[in-house]
Amino acid sequence: MDTLQVHGFLSQALIITDDNNFFGPSSEDEGSFEFTEIGLNASLRPHQDVLLAAQVLSRQAGGNNNDAKPRLDYGLIDYQMISDQQRTFGIQLGRFKNPFGFYNQTRDVAFTRPSPDFS
């Protein structure tokens, strides 16, 4: 258990826009505080070749997109059969962030997220 790591974060945004509503009514007069994220992640290496990692994320964003229910952001088992300075060979199982494609790890960058529709 000496390899257990636990981390968390809290993010509260203030959004001010000119002529549109983004994550709630965000006019210049008021601004919107309707975007909040809370996350908790943990990792454990029970053996030098095995990594267990997971993150639970709660996101509240104005509108109907995100309702603040905690959900699994990622959870994986990473087993590296061969790992040295020249190469790594292994397998990952679970839900993990893929560096390629539409719904990938860049979703963690705030301005790449889709916005809710406040017509």
PDB file of N, CA and C in Angstrom:
ATOM      1  N   MET A   1       0.819  -1.211   0.000  1.00  0.00           N
ATOM      2  CA  MET A   1       0.000   0.000   0.000  1.00  0.00           C
ATOM      3  C   MET A   1       0.857   1.267   0.000  1.00  0.00           C
ATOM      4  N   ASP A   2       2.168   1.135   0.017  1.00  0.00           N
ATOM      5  CA  ASP A   2       3.006   2.339   0.030  1.00  0.00           C
ATOM      6  C   ASP A   2       3.043   3.031  -1.332  1.00  0.00           C
ATOM      7  N   THR A   3       2.473   2.418  -2.376  1.00  0.00           N
ATOM      8  CA  THR A   3       2.420   3.056  -3.689  1.00  0.00           C
ATOM      9  C   THR A   3       1.073   3.731  -3.953  1.00  0.00           C
ATOM     10  N   LEU A   4       0.183   3.732  -2.984  1.00  0.00           N
ATOM     11  CA  LEU A   4      -1.125   4.358  -3.152  1.00  0.00           C
ATOM     12  C   LEU A   4      -0.968   5.873  -3.230  1.00  0.00           C
ATOM     13  N   GLN A   5      -1.572   6.466  -4.263  1.00  0.00           N
ATOM     14  CA  GLN A   5      -1.608   7.918  -4.407  1.00  0.00           C
ATOM     15  C   GLN A   5      -3.058   8.335  -4.609  1.00  0.00           C
ATOM     16  N   VAL A   6      -3.488   9.367  -3.895  1.00  0.00           N
ATOM     17  CA  VAL A   6      -4.840   9.894  -4.016  1.00  0.00           C
ATOM     18  C   VAL A   6      -4.730  11.401  -4.228  1.00  0.00           C
ATOM     19  N   HIS A   7      -5.439  11.900  -5.230  1.00  0.00           N
ATOM     20  CA  HIS A   7      -5.417  13.324  -5.544  1.00  0.00           C
ATOM     21  C   HIS A   7      -6.844  13.774  -5.849  1.00  0.00           C
ATOM     22  N   GLY A   8      -7.082  15.046  -5.721  1.00  0.00           N
ATOM     23  CA  GLY A   8      -8.388  15.587  -6.038  1.00  0.00           C
ATOM     24  C   GLY A   8      -8.278  17.013  -6.528  1.00  0.00           C
ATOM     25  N   PHE A   9      -9.369  17.518  -7.072  1.00  0.00           N
ATOM     26  CA  PHE A   9      -9.377  18.899  -7.529  1.00  0.00           C
ATOM     27  C   PHE A   9     -10.799  19.446  -7.494  1.00  0.00           C
ATOM     28  N   LEU A  10     -10.888  20.748  -7.455  1.00  0.00           N
ATOM     29  CA  LEU A  10     -12.146  21.476  -7.502  1.00  0.00           C
ATOM     30  C   LEU A  10     -11.946  22.662  -8.424  1.00  0.00           C
ATOM     31  N   SER A  11     -12.873  22.876  -9.336  1.00  0.00           N
ATOM     32  CA  SER A  11     -12.769  23.977 -10.276  1.00  0.00           C
ATOM     33  C   SER A  11     -14.099  24.705 -10.337  1.00  0.00           C
ATOM     34  N   GLN A  12     -14.061  26.014 -10.163  1.00  0.00           N
ATOM     35  CA  GLN A  12     -15.254  26.854 -10.280  1.00  0.00           C
ATOM     36  C   GLN A  12     -14.961  27.930 -11.307  1.00  0.00           C
ATOM     37  N   ALA A  13     -15.813  28.027 -12.325  1.00  0.00           N
ATOM     38  CA  ALA A  13     -15.589  28.998 -13.395  1.00  0.00           C
ATOM     39  C   ALA A  13     -16.538  30.179 -13.266  1.00  0.00           C
ATOM     40  N   LEU A  14     -16.066  31.340 -13.697  1.00  0.00           N
ATOM     41  CA  LEU A  14     -16.897  32.519 -13.909  1.00  0.00           C
ATOM     42  C   LEU A  14     -16.820  32.807 -15.399  1.00  0.00           C
ATOM     43  N   ILE A  15     -17.978  32.795 -16.071  1.00  0.00           N
ATOM     44  CA  ILE A  15     -18.016  32.993 -17.518  1.00  0.00           C
ATOM     45  C   ILE A  15     -18.808  34.259 -17.805  1.00  0.00           C
ATOM     46  N   ILE A  16     -18.182  35.178 -18.560  1.00  0.00           N
ATOM     47  CA  ILE A  16     -18.823  36.424 -18.956  1.00  0.00           C
ATOM     48  C   ILE A  16     -18.738  36.524 -20.472  1.00  0.00           C
ATOM     49  N   THR A  17     -19.900  36.706 -21.118  1.00  0.00           N
ATOM     50  CA  THR A  17     -19.935  36.794 -22.575  1.00  0.00           C
ATOM     51  C   THR A  17     -20.704  38.040 -23.005  1.00  0.00           C
ATOM     52  N   ASP A  18     -20.553  38.404 -24.287  1.00  0.00           N
ATOM     53  CA  ASP A  18     -21.224  39.587 -24.828  1.00  0.00           C
ATOM     54  C   ASP A  18     -22.677  39.306 -25.211  1.00  0.00           C
ATOM     55  N   ASP A  19     -22.851  38.469 -26.220  1.00  0.00           N
ATOM     56  CA  ASP A  19     -24.175  38.332 -26.822  1.00  0.00           C
ATOM     57  C   ASP A  19     -24.719  36.912 -26.827  1.00  0.00           C
ATOM     58  N   ASN A  20     -24.178  36.022 -26.058  1.00  0.00           N
ATOM     59  CA  ASN A  20     -24.717  34.669 -26.016  1.00  0.00           C
ATOM     60  C   ASN A  20     -24.643  34.144 -24.590  1.00  0.00           C
ATOM     61  N   ASN A  21     -25.368  33.085 -24.342  1.00  0.00           N
ATOM     62  CA  ASN A  21     -25.338  32.449 -23.031  1.00  0.00           C
ATOM     63  C   ASN A  21     -24.530  31.170 -23.129  1.00  0.00           C
ATOM     64  N   PHE A  22     -23.538  31.052 -22.281  1.00  0.00           N
ATOM     65  CA  PHE A  22     -22.623  29.917 -22.286  1.00  0.00           C
ATOM     66  C   PHE A  22     -22.562  29.396 -20.869  1.00  0.00           C
ATOM     67  N   PHE A  23     -23.009  28.170 -20.640  1.00  0.00           N
ATOM     68  CA  PHE A  23     -23.109  27.582 -19.300  1.00  0.00           C
ATOM     69  C   PHE A  23     -23.929  28.479 -18.380  1.00  0.00           C
ATOM     70  N   GLY A  24     -25.137  28.758 -18.804  1.00  0.00           N
ATOM     71  CA  GLY A  24     -26.042  29.584 -18.020  1.00  0.00           C
ATOM     72  C   GLY A  24     -26.086  31.002 -18.548  1.00  0.00           C
ATOM     73  N   PRO A  25     -26.939  31.840 -17.953  1.00  0.00           N
ATOM     74  CA  PRO A  25     -27.005  33.239 -18.365  1.00  0.00           C
ATOM     75  C   PRO A  25     -25.672  33.922 -18.053  1.00  0.00           C
ATOM     76  N   SER A  26     -24.912  34.250 -19.083  1.00  0.00           N
ATOM     77  CA  SER A  26     -23.545  34.750 -18.849  1.00  0.00           C
ATOM     78  C   SER A  26     -23.315  36.127 -19.450  1.00  0.00           C
ATOM     79  N   SER A  27     -24.340  36.975 -19.397  1.00  0.00           N
ATOM     80  CA  SER A  27     -24.206  38.316 -19.964  1.00  0.00           C
ATOM     81  C   SER A  27     -23.171  39.110 -19.183  1.00  0.00           C
ATOM     82  N   GLU A  28     -22.765  40.217 -19.772  1.00  0.00           N
ATOM     83  CA  GLU A  28     -21.761  41.080 -19.128  1.00  0.00           C
ATOM     84  C   GLU A  28     -22.244  41.607 -17.780  1.00  0.00           C
ATOM     85  N   ASP A  29     -23.575  41.721 -17.619  1.00  0.00           N
ATOM     86  CA  ASP A  29     -24.122  42.275 -16.378  1.00  0.00           C
ATOM     87  C   ASP A  29     -23.958  41.322 -15.195  1.00  0.00           C
ATOM     88  N   GLU A  30     -24.166  40.023 -15.431  1.00  0.00           N
ATOM     89  CA  GLU A  30     -24.184  39.067 -14.328  1.00  0.00           C
ATOM     90  C   GLU A  30     -23.001  38.108 -14.342  1.00  0.00           C
ATOM     91  N   GLY A  31     -22.736  37.521 -15.472  1.00  0.00           N
ATOM     92  CA  GLY A  31     -21.769  36.429 -15.530  1.00  0.00           C
ATOM     93  C   GLY A  31     -22.437  35.143 -15.046  1.00  0.00           C
ATOM     94  N   SER A  32     -21.809  34.042 -15.317  1.00  0.00           N
ATOM     95  CA  SER A  32     -22.365  32.746 -14.932  1.00  0.00           C
ATOM     96  C   SER A  32     -21.356  31.973 -14.081  1.00  0.00           C
ATOM     97  N   PHE A  33     -21.829  31.481 -12.957  1.00  0.00           N
ATOM     98  CA  PHE A  33     -21.037  30.592 -12.100  1.00  0.00           C
ATOM     99  C   PHE A  33     -21.516  29.154 -12.236  1.00  0.00           C
ATOM    100  N   GLU A  34     -22.202  28.832 -13.334  1.00  0.00           N
ATOM    101  CA  GLU A  34     -22.851  27.538 -13.480  1.00  0.00           C
ATOM    102  C   GLU A  34     -21.956  26.468 -14.101  1.00  0.00           C
ATOM    103  N   PHE A  35     -20.663  26.562 -13.875  1.00  0.00           N
ATOM    104  CA  PHE A  35     -19.766  25.490 -14.318  1.00  0.00           C
ATOM    105  C   PHE A  35     -18.835  25.137 -13.162  1.00  0.00           C
ATOM    106  N   THR A  36     -19.016  23.928 -12.630  1.00  0.00           N
ATOM    107  CA  THR A  36     -18.233  23.453 -11.494  1.00  0.00           C
ATOM    108  C   THR A  36     -17.797  22.014 -11.757  1.00  0.00           C
ATOM    109  N   GLU A  37     -16.556  21.701 -11.424  1.00  0.00           N
ATOM    110  CA  GLU A  37     -16.056  20.324 -11.528  1.00  0.00           C
ATOM    111  C   GLU A  37     -15.377  19.930 -10.221  1.00  0.00           C
ATOM    112  N   ILE A  38     -15.595  18.689  -9.832  1.00  0.00           N
ATOM    113  CA  ILE A  38     -14.919  18.104  -8.674  1.00  0.00           C
ATOM    114  C   ILE A  38     -14.450  16.721  -9.098  1.00  0.00           C
ATOM    115  N   GLY A  39     -13.203  16.412  -8.817  1.00  0.00           N
ATOM    116  CA  GLY A  39     -12.677  15.109  -9.191  1.00  0.00           C
ATOM    117  C   GLY A  39     -11.825  14.509  -8.093  1.00  0.00           C
ATOM    118  N   LEU A  40     -11.799  13.189  -8.058  1.00  0.00           N
ATOM    119  CA  LEU A  40     -10.973  12.444  -7.121  1.00  0.00           C
ATOM    120  C   LEU A  40     -10.377  11.273  -7.879  1.00  0.00           C
ATOM    121  N   ASN A  41      -9.049  11.161  -7.840  1.00  0.00           N
ATOM    122  CA  ASN A  41      -8.408  10.043  -8.528  1.00  0.00           C
ATOM    123  C   ASN A  41      -7.449   9.333  -7.596  1.00  0.00           C
ATOM    124  N   ALA A  42      -7.205   8.080  -7.923  1.00  0.00           N
ATOM    125  CA  ALA A  42      -6.304   7.264  -7.113  1.00  0.00           C
ATOM    126  C   ALA A  42      -5.562   6.295  -8.027  1.00  0.00           C
ATOM    127  N   SER A  43      -4.351   5.954  -7.607  1.00  0.00           N
ATOM    128  CA  SER A  43      -3.588   4.934  -8.322  1.00  0.00           C
ATOM    129  C   SER A  43      -2.860   4.071  -7.299  1.00  0.00           C
ATOM    130  N   LEU A  44      -2.638   2.832  -7.688  1.00  0.00           N
ATOM    131  CA  LEU A  44      -1.973   1.872  -6.821  1.00  0.00           C
ATOM    132  C   LEU A  44      -1.159   0.941  -7.704  1.00  0.00           C
ATOM    133  N   ARG A  45       0.058   0.674  -7.285  1.00  0.00           N
ATOM    134  CA  ARG A  45       0.913  -0.263  -8.010  1.00  0.00           C
ATOM    135  C   ARG A  45       1.166  -1.460  -7.089  1.00  0.00           C
ATOM    136  N   PRO A  46       0.284  -2.492  -7.155  1.00  0.00           N
ATOM    137  CA  PRO A  46       0.449  -3.652  -6.271  1.00  0.00           C
ATOM    138  C   PRO A  46       1.660  -4.504  -6.630  1.00  0.00           C
ATOM    139  N   HIS A  47       2.152  -4.378  -7.851  1.00  0.00           N
ATOM    140  CA  HIS A  47       3.326  -5.095  -8.338  1.00  0.00           C
ATOM    141  C   HIS A  47       4.042  -4.160  -9.299  1.00  0.00           C
ATOM    142  N   GLN A  48       5.334  -4.305  -9.484  1.00  0.00           N
ATOM    143  CA  GLN A  48       6.072  -3.368 -10.334  1.00  0.00           C
ATOM    144  C   GLN A  48       5.595  -3.358 -11.784  1.00  0.00           C
ATOM    145  N   ASP A  49       4.916  -4.405 -12.224  1.00  0.00           N
ATOM    146  CA  ASP A  49       4.427  -4.482 -13.603  1.00  0.00           C
ATOM    147  C   ASP A  49       2.946  -4.134 -13.741  1.00  0.00           C
ATOM    148  N   VAL A  50       2.260  -3.849 -12.631  1.00  0.00           N
ATOM    149  CA  VAL A  50       0.811  -3.631 -12.665  1.00  0.00           C
ATOM    150  C   VAL A  50       0.471  -2.280 -12.043  1.00  0.00           C
ATOM    151  N   LEU A  51      -0.362  -1.526 -12.747  1.00  0.00           N
ATOM    152  CA  LEU A  51      -0.863  -0.256 -12.241  1.00  0.00           C
ATOM    153  C   LEU A  51      -2.386  -0.282 -12.274  1.00  0.00           C
ATOM    154  N   LEU A  52      -3.011   0.083 -11.173  1.00  0.00           N
ATOM    155  CA  LEU A  52      -4.461   0.257 -11.084  1.00  0.00           C
ATOM    156  C   LEU A  52      -4.712   1.746 -10.900  1.00  0.00           C
ATOM    157  N   ALA A  53      -5.590   2.324 -11.700  1.00  0.00           N
ATOM    158  CA  ALA A  53      -5.856   3.758 -11.598  1.00  0.00           C
ATOM    159  C   ALA A  53      -7.312   4.031 -11.947  1.00  0.00           C
ATOM    160  N   ALA A  54      -7.884   5.050 -11.276  1.00  0.00           N
ATOM    161  CA  ALA A  54      -9.271   5.431 -11.547  1.00  0.00           C
ATOM    162  C   ALA A  54      -9.486   6.880 -11.147  1.00  0.00           C
ATOM    163  N   GLN A  55     -10.478   7.496 -11.801  1.00  0.00           N
ATOM    164  CA  GLN A  55     -10.892   8.847 -11.437  1.00  0.00           C
ATOM    165  C   GLN A  55     -12.411   8.945 -11.512  1.00  0.00           C
ATOM    166  N   VAL A  56     -12.996   9.548 -10.480  1.00  0.00           N
ATOM    167  CA  VAL A  56     -14.421   9.846 -10.447  1.00  0.00           C
ATOM    168  C   VAL A  56     -14.553  11.351 -10.614  1.00  0.00           C
ATOM    169  N   LEU A  57     -15.486  11.761 -11.481  1.00  0.00           N
ATOM    170  CA  LEU A  57     -15.643  13.172 -11.815  1.00  0.00           C
ATOM    171  C   LEU A  57     -17.104  13.573 -11.669  1.00  0.00           C
ATOM    172  N   SER A  58     -17.321  14.719 -11.069  1.00  0.00           N
ATOM    173  CA  SER A  58     -18.648  15.314 -10.988  1.00  0.00           C
ATOM    174  C   SER A  58     -18.566  16.666 -11.676  1.00  0.00           C
ATOM    175  N   ARG A  59     -19.447  16.875 -12.652  1.00  0.00           N
ATOM    176  CA  ARG A  59     -19.426  18.128 -13.408  1.00  0.00           C
ATOM    177  C   ARG A  59     -20.841  18.704 -13.438  1.00  0.00           C
ATOM    178  N   GLN A  60     -20.956  19.958 -13.038  1.00  0.00           N
ATOM    179  CA  GLN A  60     -22.222  20.672 -13.164  1.00  0.00           C
ATOM    180  C   GLN A  60     -21.992  21.802 -14.145  1.00  0.00           C
ATOM    181  N   ALA A  61     -22.748  21.776 -15.226  1.00  0.00           N
ATOM    182  CA  ALA A  61     -22.660  22.826 -16.234  1.00  0.00           C
ATOM    183  C   ALA A  61     -24.071  23.268 -16.544  1.00  0.00           C
ATOM    184  N   GLY A  62     -24.276  24.560 -16.649  1.00  0.00           N
ATOM    185  CA  GLY A  62     -25.604  25.098 -16.899  1.00  0.00           C
ATOM    186  C   GLY A  62     -26.328  24.358 -18.011  1.00  0.00           C
ATOM    187  N   GLY A  63     -27.605  24.277 -17.921  1.00  0.00           N
ATOM    188  CA  GLY A  63     -28.391  23.555 -18.912  1.00  0.00           C
ATOM    189  C   GLY A  63     -28.575  22.114 -18.501  1.00  0.00           C
ATOM    190  N   ASN A  64     -28.810  21.255 -19.487  1.00  0.00           N
ATOM    191  CA  ASN A  64     -29.103  19.857 -19.205  1.00  0.00           C
ATOM    192  C   ASN A  64     -27.939  18.926 -19.480  1.00  0.00           C
ATOM    193  N   ASN A  65     -26.786  19.454 -19.872  1.00  0.00           N
ATOM    194  CA  ASN A  65     -25.670  18.589 -20.261  1.00  0.00           C
ATOM    195  C   ASN A  65     -25.085  17.792 -19.111  1.00  0.00           C
ATOM    196  N   ASN A  66     -24.818  18.427 -18.014  1.00  0.00           N
ATOM    197  CA  ASN A  66     -24.136  17.763 -16.902  1.00  0.00           C
ATOM    198  C   ASN A  66     -24.877  18.083 -15.622  1.00  0.00           C
ATOM    199  N   ASP A  67     -25.283  17.047 -14.906  1.00  0.00           N
ATOM    200  CA  ASP A  67     -26.155  17.208 -13.751  1.00  0.00           C
ATOM    201  C   ASP A  67     -25.452  17.001 -12.421  1.00  0.00           C
ATOM    202  N   ALA A  68     -24.146  17.006 -12.398  1.00  0.00           N
ATOM    203  CA  ALA A  68     -23.336  16.876 -11.180  1.00  0.00           C
ATOM    204  C   ALA A  68     -23.333  15.474 -10.592  1.00  0.00           C
ATOM    205  N   LYS A  69     -23.879  14.484 -11.305  1.00  0.00           N
ATOM    206  CA  LYS A  69     -23.795  13.103 -10.810  1.00  0.00           C
ATOM    207  C   LYS A  69     -22.364  12.613 -10.954  1.00  0.00           C
ATOM    208  N   PRO A  70     -21.791  12.053  -9.897  1.00  0.00           N
ATOM    209  CA  PRO A  70     -20.437  11.488 -10.030  1.00  0.00           C
ATOM    210  C   PRO A  70     -20.443  10.308 -11.000  1.00  0.00           C
ATOM    211  N   ARG A  71     -19.425  10.245 -11.839  1.00  0.00           N
ATOM    212  CA  ARG A  71     -19.304   9.115 -12.769  1.00  0.00           C
ATOM    213  C   ARG A  71     -17.829   8.809 -12.999  1.00  0.00           C
ATOM    214  N   LEU A  72     -17.608   7.609 -13.472  1.00  0.00           N
ATOM    215  CA  LEU A  72     -16.240   7.162 -13.719  1.00  0.00           C
ATOM    216  C   LEU A  72     -15.686   7.879 -14.947  1.00  0.00           C
ATOM    217  N   ASP A  73     -14.637   8.655 -14.747  1.00  0.00           N
ATOM    218  CA  ASP A  73     -13.977   9.349 -15.849  1.00  0.00           C
ATOM    219  C   ASP A  73     -13.014   8.394 -16.550  1.00  0.00           C
ATOM    220  N   TYR A  74     -12.214   7.710 -15.760  1.00  0.00           N
ATOM    221  CA  TYR A  74     -11.389   6.625 -16.281  1.00  0.00           C
ATOM    222  C   TYR A  74     -11.132   5.624 -15.173  1.00  0.00           C
ATOM    223  N   GLY A  75     -10.892   4.393 -15.562  1.00  0.00           N
ATOM    224  CA  GLY A  75     -10.563   3.323 -14.634  1.00  0.00           C
ATOM    225  C   GLY A  75      -9.847   2.247 -15.428  1.00  0.00           C
ATOM    226  N   LEU A  76      -8.666   1.889 -14.999  1.00  0.00           N
ATOM    227  CA  LEU A  76      -7.899   0.954 -15.817  1.00  0.00           C
ATOM    228  C   LEU A  76      -6.971   0.074 -15.000  1.00  0.00           C
ATOM    229  N   ILE A  77      -6.624  -1.020 -15.637  1.00  0.00           N
ATOM    230  CA  ILE A  77      -5.565  -1.917 -15.179  1.00  0.00           C
ATOM    231  C   ILE A  77      -4.513  -1.912 -16.286  1.00  0.00           C
ATOM    232  N   ASP A  78      -3.302  -1.567 -15.948  1.00  0.00           N
ATOM    233  CA  ASP A  78      -2.206  -1.501 -16.914  1.00  0.00           C
ATOM    234  C   ASP A  78      -1.170  -2.552 -16.520  1.00  0.00           C
ATOM    235  N   TYR A  79      -0.993  -3.551 -17.377  1.00  0.00           N
ATOM    236  CA  TYR A  79      -0.016  -4.616 -17.118  1.00  0.00           C
ATOM    237  C   TYR A  79       1.077  -4.538 -18.178  1.00  0.00           C
ATOM    238  N   GLN A  80       2.313  -4.295 -17.744  1.00  0.00           N
ATOM    239  CA  GLN A  80       3.448  -4.196 -18.657  1.00  0.00           C
ATOM    240  C   GLN A  80       4.295  -5.463 -18.528  1.00  0.00           C
ATOM    241  N   MET A  81       4.203  -6.299 -19.573  1.00  0.00           N
ATOM    242  CA  MET A  81       4.941  -7.565 -19.564  1.00  0.00           C
ATOM    243  C   MET A  81       6.438  -7.335 -19.774  1.00  0.00           C
ATOM    244  N   ILE A  82       6.764  -6.414 -20.665  1.00  0.00           N
ATOM    245  CA  ILE A  82       8.161  -6.062 -20.942  1.00  0.00           C
ATOM    246  C   ILE A  82       8.289  -4.555 -20.817  1.00  0.00           C
ATOM    247  N   SER A  83       9.222  -4.093 -20.014  1.00  0.00           N
ATOM    248  CA  SER A  83       9.435  -2.660 -19.866  1.00  0.00           C
ATOM    249  C   SER A  83      10.899  -2.407 -19.527  1.00  0.00           C
ATOM    250  N   ASP A  84      11.578  -1.758 -20.460  1.00  0.00           N
ATOM    251  CA  ASP A  84      12.951  -1.334 -20.211  1.00  0.00           C
ATOM    252  C   ASP A  84      13.170   0.003 -20.918  1.00  0.00           C
ATOM    253  N   GLN A  85      14.412   0.456 -21.017  1.00  0.00           N
ATOM    254  CA  GLN A  85      14.679   1.771 -21.589  1.00  0.00           C
ATOM    255  C   GLN A  85      14.405   1.837 -23.085  1.00  0.00           C
ATOM    256  N   GLN A  86      14.449   0.724 -23.789  1.00  0.00           N
ATOM    257  CA  GLN A  86      14.250   0.722 -25.230  1.00  0.00           C
ATOM    258  C   GLN A  86      12.802   0.457 -25.653  1.00  0.00           C
ATOM    259  N   ARG A  87      12.043  -0.284 -24.868  1.00  0.00           N
ATOM    260  CA  ARG A  87      10.709  -0.673 -25.301  1.00  0.00           C
ATOM    261  C   ARG A  87       9.798  -0.964 -24.108  1.00  0.00           C
ATOM    262  N   THR A  88       8.523  -0.898 -24.410  1.00  0.00           N
ATOM    263  CA  THR A  88       7.491  -1.272 -23.447  1.00  0.00           C
ATOM    264  C   THR A  88       6.426  -2.059 -24.190  1.00  0.00           C
ATOM    265  N   PHE A  89       6.039  -3.186 -23.626  1.00  0.00           N
ATOM    266  CA  PHE A  89       4.992  -4.010 -24.205  1.00  0.00           C
ATOM    267  C   PHE A  89       4.058  -4.433 -23.087  1.00  0.00           C
ATOM    268  N   GLY A  90       2.779  -4.160 -23.275  1.00  0.00           N
ATOM    269  CA  GLY A  90       1.826  -4.523 -22.242  1.00  0.00           C
ATOM    270  C   GLY A  90       0.414  -4.419 -22.742  1.00  0.00           C
ATOM    271  N   ILE A  91      -0.512  -4.423 -21.807  1.00  0.00           N
ATOM    272  CA  ILE A  91      -1.931  -4.361 -22.143  1.00  0.00           C
ATOM    273  C   ILE A  91      -2.638  -3.487 -21.117  1.00  0.00           C
ATOM    274  N   GLN A  92      -3.627  -2.721 -21.605  1.00  0.00           N
ATOM    275  CA  GLN A  92      -4.473  -1.925 -20.731  1.00  0.00           C
ATOM    276  C   GLN A  92      -5.911  -2.399 -20.893  1.00  0.00           C
ATOM    277  N   LEU A  93      -6.588  -2.550 -19.777  1.00  0.00           N
ATOM    278  CA  LEU A  93      -7.999  -2.919 -19.771  1.00  0.00           C
ATOM    279  C   LEU A  93      -8.768  -1.880 -18.976  1.00  0.00           C
ATOM    280  N   GLY A  94      -9.958  -1.536 -19.448  1.00  0.00           N
ATOM    281  CA  GLY A  94     -10.792  -0.603 -18.716  1.00  0.00           C
ATOM    282  C   GLY A  94     -11.219   0.567 -19.568  1.00  0.00           C
ATOM    283  N   ARG A  95     -11.597   1.620 -18.898  1.00  0.00           N
ATOM    284  CA  ARG A  95     -11.990   2.862 -19.560  1.00  0.00           C
ATOM    285  C   ARG A  95     -10.834   3.838 -19.400  1.00  0.00           C
ATOM    286  N   PHE A  96     -10.223   4.201 -20.506  1.00  0.00           N
ATOM    287  CA  PHE A  96      -9.079   5.103 -20.436  1.00  0.00           C
ATOM    288  C   PHE A  96      -9.201   6.187 -21.482  1.00  0.00           C
ATOM    289  N   LYS A  97      -8.411   7.226 -21.336  1.00  0.00           N
ATOM    290  CA  LYS A  97      -8.452   8.353 -22.255  1.00  0.00           C
ATOM    291  C   LYS A  97      -7.533   8.081 -23.434  1.00  0.00           C
ATOM    292  N   ASN A  98      -8.146   8.021 -24.585  1.00  0.00           N
ATOM    293  CA  ASN A  98      -7.442   7.767 -25.824  1.00  0.00           C
ATOM    294  C   ASN A  98      -6.863   9.087 -26.348  1.00  0.00           C
ATOM    295  N   PRO A  99      -5.607   9.127 -26.756  1.00  0.00           N
ATOM    296  CA  PRO A  99      -5.057  10.388 -27.254  1.00  0.00           C
ATOM    297  C   PRO A  99      -5.555  10.765 -28.646  1.00  0.00           C
ATOM    298  N   PHE A 100      -6.333   9.910 -29.311  1.00  0.00           N
ATOM    299  CA  PHE A 100      -6.798  10.163 -30.670  1.00  0.00           C
ATOM    300  C   PHE A 100      -8.319  10.144 -30.718  1.00  0.00           C
ATOM    301  N   GLY A 101      -8.898  10.805 -31.704  1.00  0.00           N
ATOM    302  CA  GLY A 101     -10.337  10.729 -31.917  1.00  0.00           C
ATOM    303  C   GLY A 101     -11.095  11.898 -31.331  1.00  0.00           C
ATOM    304  N   PHE A 102     -12.430  11.829 -31.442  1.00  0.00           N
ATOM    305  CA  PHE A 102     -13.277  12.932 -31.022  1.00  0.00           C
ATOM    306  C   PHE A 102     -13.393  13.059 -29.506  1.00  0.00           C
ATOM    307  N   TYR A 103     -13.694  11.978 -28.811  1.00  0.00           N
ATOM    308  CA  TYR A 103     -13.889  12.040 -27.364  1.00  0.00           C
ATOM    309  C   TYR A 103     -12.636  11.518 -26.691  1.00  0.00           C
ATOM    310  N   ASN A 104     -11.625  12.360 -26.650  1.00  0.00           N
ATOM    311  CA  ASN A 104     -10.316  11.928 -26.194  1.00  0.00           C
ATOM    312  C   ASN A 104      -9.848  12.766 -25.015  1.00  0.00           C
ATOM    313  N   GLN A 105      -8.565  12.695 -24.727  1.00  0.00           N
ATOM    314  CA  GLN A 105      -8.037  13.380 -23.557  1.00  0.00           C
ATOM    315  C   GLN A 105      -8.077  14.902 -23.682  1.00  0.00           C
ATOM    316  N   THR A 106      -8.298  15.460 -24.881  1.00  0.00           N
ATOM    317  CA  THR A 106      -8.393  16.921 -24.978  1.00  0.00           C
ATOM    318  C   THR A 106      -9.712  17.435 -24.414  1.00  0.00           C
ATOM    319  N   ARG A 107     -10.653  16.561 -24.069  1.00  0.00           N
ATOM    320  CA  ARG A 107     -11.885  17.009 -23.438  1.00  0.00           C
ATOM    321  C   ARG A 107     -11.610  17.627 -22.075  1.00  0.00           C
ATOM    322  N   ASP A 108     -10.418  17.437 -21.530  1.00  0.00           N
ATOM    323  CA  ASP A 108     -10.061  18.045 -20.267  1.00  0.00           C
ATOM    324  C   ASP A 108      -9.663  19.504 -20.434  1.00  0.00           C
ATOM    325  N   VAL A 109      -9.501  19.970 -21.670  1.00  0.00           N
ATOM    326  CA  VAL A 109      -9.180  21.362 -21.940  1.00  0.00           C
ATOM    327  C   VAL A 109     -10.509  22.094 -22.087  1.00  0.00           C
ATOM    328  N   ALA A 110     -10.736  23.103 -21.260  1.00  0.00           N
ATOM    329  CA  ALA A 110     -12.061  23.698 -21.137  1.00  0.00           C
ATOM    330  C   ALA A 110     -12.659  24.172 -22.459  1.00  0.00           C
ATOM    331  N   PHE A 111     -11.904  24.814 -23.328  1.00  0.00           N
ATOM    332  CA  PHE A 111     -12.507  25.387 -24.521  1.00  0.00           C
ATOM    333  C   PHE A 111     -12.774  24.356 -25.612  1.00  0.00           C
ATOM    334  N   THR A 112     -12.422  23.067 -25.414  1.00  0.00           N
ATOM    335  CA  THR A 112     -12.747  22.037 -26.400  1.00  0.00           C
ATOM    336  C   THR A 112     -14.052  21.317 -26.071  1.00  0.00           C
ATOM    337  N   ARG A 113     -14.676  21.656 -24.963  1.00  0.00           N
ATOM    338  CA  ARG A 113     -15.925  21.001 -24.571  1.00  0.00           C
ATOM    339  C   ARG A 113     -17.091  21.581 -25.348  1.00  0.00           C
ATOM    340  N   PRO A 114     -18.084  20.749 -25.670  1.00  0.00           N
ATOM    341  CA  PRO A 114     -19.280  21.295 -26.299  1.00  0.00           C
ATOM    342  C   PRO A 114     -20.076  22.111 -25.290  1.00  0.00           C
ATOM    343  N   SER A 115     -20.699  23.159 -25.762  1.00  0.00           N
ATOM    344  CA  SER A 115     -21.483  23.998 -24.849  1.00  0.00           C
ATOM    345  C   SER A 115     -22.953  23.606 -24.929  1.00  0.00           C
ATOM    346  N   PRO A 116     -23.687  23.833 -23.851  1.00  0.00           N
ATOM    347  CA  PRO A 116     -25.118  23.545 -23.875  1.00  0.00           C
ATOM    348  C   PRO A 116     -25.851  24.575 -24.726  1.00  0.00           C
ATOM    349  N   ASP A 117     -27.034  24.229 -25.148  1.00  0.00           N
ATOM    350  CA  ASP A 117     -27.847  25.117 -25.969  1.00  0.00           C
ATOM    351  C   ASP A 117     -28.796  25.882 -25.066  1.00  0.00           C
ATOM    352  N   PHE A 118     -28.661  27.201 -25.026  1.00  0.00           N
ATOM    353  CA  PHE A 118     -29.554  28.066 -24.239  1.00  0.00           C
ATOM    354  C   PHE A 118     -30.300  28.981 -25.188  1.00  0.00           C
ATOM    355  N   SER A 119     -31.142  28.404 -26.001  1.00  0.00           N
ATOM    356  CA  SER A 119     -31.887  29.201 -26.983  1.00  0.00           C
ATOM    357  C   SER A 119     -32.938  30.046 -26.306  1.00  0.00           C
TER     358      SER A 119
END
